[in-house]
Amino acid sequence: MMRIANAQLWVHDQDEALAFYTQKLGMEVRADVTLAELGNFRWLTVGPAGQDDFAIVLMAIPGPPMVDDETAEQVRTLMAKGFAGTVFLTTDDCQASYEELRARGVEFSEAPEERPYGIDSGFHDPSGNSFRLTQVRDMAPA
């Protein structure tokens, strides 16, 4: 059986991202390793507390030779627009989680709102990655 172990997000600054994900979102560091033999490449992962089998890779945007300058700039542009991907977080109480995260300094672009599928809100990380925080409603089959 295959399982998802990691998902990657591009970040502008790994230290800033690490502080945001651990201090504001309450995630745990899973790995923080710098590999000198790969040009000081830093493998940095975090994950939700209590969900040990999954991690988010906070990946710095590489430069040449991995990625040319034009492509790196395109990634930065998509991130700034919030279109480099979305992370979907679920919670049992969207309003309470929203208040807790706001108290930690998370700035929401959308307050919790009733939707057909539950209560949903949105925010971005410091690099522009989009997040949805949702209290999913059980949908009865039609």
Protein backbone atom coordinates (compact mmCIF):
# COMPACT_ATOMS: atom_id res chain seq x y z
CA MET A 1 0.00 0.00 0.00
CA MET A 2 1.27 3.47 -0.87
CA ARG A 3 0.86 6.40 1.51
CA ILE A 4 1.58 10.10 1.20
CA ALA A 5 4.55 10.96 3.39
CA ASN A 6 5.41 14.54 2.37
CA ALA A 7 4.03 17.46 0.42
CA GLN A 8 6.19 20.40 -0.65
CA LEU A 9 5.60 24.13 -0.43
CA TRP A 10 7.93 26.73 -1.92
CA VAL A 11 9.03 29.35 0.61
CA HIS A 12 11.00 32.56 0.23
CA ASP A 13 12.82 32.24 3.54
CA GLN A 14 13.10 28.91 5.37
CA ASP A 15 13.75 30.50 8.78
CA GLU A 16 10.72 32.79 8.45
CA ALA A 17 8.61 29.84 7.29
CA LEU A 18 9.83 27.69 10.18
CA ALA A 19 8.84 30.36 12.70
CA PHE A 20 5.39 30.78 11.10
CA TYR A 21 4.60 27.07 10.91
CA THR A 22 5.82 26.25 14.42
CA GLN A 23 4.99 29.38 16.42
CA LYS A 24 1.80 30.51 14.69
CA LEU A 25 0.33 27.26 13.33
CA GLY A 26 1.64 25.07 16.17
CA MET A 27 3.28 22.48 13.93
CA GLU A 28 6.28 20.39 14.93
CA VAL A 29 9.69 20.21 13.24
CA ARG A 30 10.14 16.78 11.65
CA ALA A 31 13.54 17.33 10.03
CA ASP A 32 16.00 20.21 9.73
CA VAL A 33 19.15 18.97 8.04
CA THR A 34 21.72 20.88 6.00
CA LEU A 35 23.67 18.75 3.54
CA ALA A 36 27.08 20.28 2.83
CA GLU A 37 27.73 17.75 0.05
CA LEU A 38 24.73 19.17 -1.86
CA GLY A 39 25.83 22.80 -1.67
CA ASN A 40 24.37 23.35 1.82
CA PHE A 41 20.93 22.21 0.69
CA ARG A 42 18.52 22.42 3.64
CA TRP A 43 15.85 19.72 4.07
CA LEU A 44 13.28 21.32 6.37
CA THR A 45 9.99 19.63 7.22
CA VAL A 46 7.17 20.33 9.67
CA GLY A 47 3.92 18.58 10.44
CA PRO A 48 0.77 18.81 12.51
CA ALA A 49 1.13 17.67 16.11
CA GLY A 50 -0.33 14.19 16.47
CA GLN A 51 -0.10 13.40 12.74
CA ASP A 52 3.33 11.80 12.72
CA ASP A 53 3.12 10.09 9.33
CA PHE A 54 2.91 13.29 7.27
CA ALA A 55 5.20 16.30 6.81
CA ILE A 56 5.26 19.49 4.78
CA VAL A 57 8.60 20.22 3.12
CA LEU A 58 9.40 23.94 3.37
CA MET A 59 11.50 24.18 0.23
CA ALA A 60 13.58 27.22 -0.65
CA ILE A 61 13.23 28.23 -4.29
CA PRO A 62 16.39 26.88 -5.91
CA GLY A 63 18.56 28.76 -8.35
CA PRO A 64 20.78 27.57 -11.18
CA PRO A 65 21.60 24.88 -12.11
CA MET A 66 18.38 23.32 -10.75
CA VAL A 67 16.11 26.18 -11.82
CA ASP A 68 16.93 29.07 -14.14
CA ASP A 69 16.32 32.64 -12.95
CA GLU A 70 13.24 33.10 -15.15
CA THR A 71 11.53 29.98 -13.75
CA ALA A 72 12.40 30.94 -10.17
CA GLU A 73 10.80 34.35 -10.76
CA GLN A 74 7.68 32.70 -12.20
CA VAL A 75 7.38 30.58 -9.04
CA ARG A 76 7.74 33.72 -6.88
CA THR A 77 5.03 35.48 -8.94
CA LEU A 78 2.59 32.57 -8.55
CA MET A 79 3.30 32.42 -4.81
CA ALA A 80 2.63 36.15 -4.43
CA LYS A 81 -0.75 35.64 -6.07
CA GLY A 82 -1.53 32.68 -3.81
CA PHE A 83 -1.62 30.26 -6.76
CA ALA A 84 1.35 27.99 -6.05
CA GLY A 85 -0.89 25.49 -4.26
CA THR A 86 -3.30 25.26 -1.36
CA VAL A 87 -3.07 23.36 1.91
CA PHE A 88 -6.40 22.25 3.35
CA LEU A 89 -6.54 22.01 7.14
CA THR A 90 -9.52 20.53 8.95
CA THR A 91 -10.69 21.27 12.46
CA ASP A 92 -13.58 20.27 14.71
CA ASP A 93 -14.33 23.93 15.50
CA CYS A 94 -13.42 26.43 12.78
CA GLN A 95 -14.36 29.50 14.81
CA ALA A 96 -12.28 28.44 17.84
CA SER A 97 -9.28 27.52 15.64
CA TYR A 98 -9.63 30.82 13.79
CA GLU A 99 -9.59 32.76 17.09
CA GLU A 100 -6.60 30.77 18.38
CA LEU A 101 -4.57 31.30 15.21
CA ARG A 102 -5.45 35.01 15.06
CA ALA A 103 -4.25 35.35 18.68
CA ARG A 104 -0.92 33.84 17.55
CA GLY A 105 -0.64 36.45 14.77
CA VAL A 106 -2.03 34.63 11.73
CA GLU A 107 -3.68 37.18 9.43
CA PHE A 108 -6.78 35.76 7.75
CA SER A 109 -7.96 36.86 4.33
CA GLU A 110 -11.36 35.26 4.99
CA ALA A 111 -13.14 34.90 8.33
CA PRO A 112 -15.10 31.69 9.04
CA GLU A 113 -18.19 31.50 6.86
CA GLU A 114 -20.95 28.94 6.39
CA ARG A 115 -20.64 27.02 3.13
CA PRO A 116 -22.61 24.05 1.77
CA TYR A 117 -19.81 21.70 2.94
CA GLY A 118 -19.17 23.27 6.37
CA ILE A 119 -17.52 26.34 7.87
CA ASP A 120 -14.52 27.63 5.93
CA SER A 121 -11.88 30.37 6.29
CA GLY A 122 -8.64 31.30 4.55
CA PHE A 123 -5.17 32.70 5.15
CA HIS A 124 -1.70 32.76 3.58
CA ASP A 125 1.75 31.98 4.94
CA PRO A 126 4.53 34.63 4.71
CA SER A 127 5.51 33.29 1.26
CA GLY A 128 1.96 33.63 -0.12
CA ASN A 129 0.95 29.95 0.02
CA SER A 130 -2.80 29.61 0.39
CA PHE A 131 -4.46 27.80 3.31
CA ARG A 132 -8.08 26.80 3.89
CA LEU A 133 -9.17 26.08 7.45
CA THR A 134 -12.41 24.11 7.36
CA GLN A 135 -14.86 22.48 9.71
CA VAL A 136 -16.30 19.88 7.36
CA ARG A 137 -19.97 19.04 7.69
CA ASP A 138 -20.97 15.41 7.36
CA MET A 139 -22.86 15.20 4.11
CA ALA A 140 -25.68 12.67 4.09
CA PRO A 141 -25.91 10.65 0.86
CA ALA A 142 -28.70 11.77 -1.44
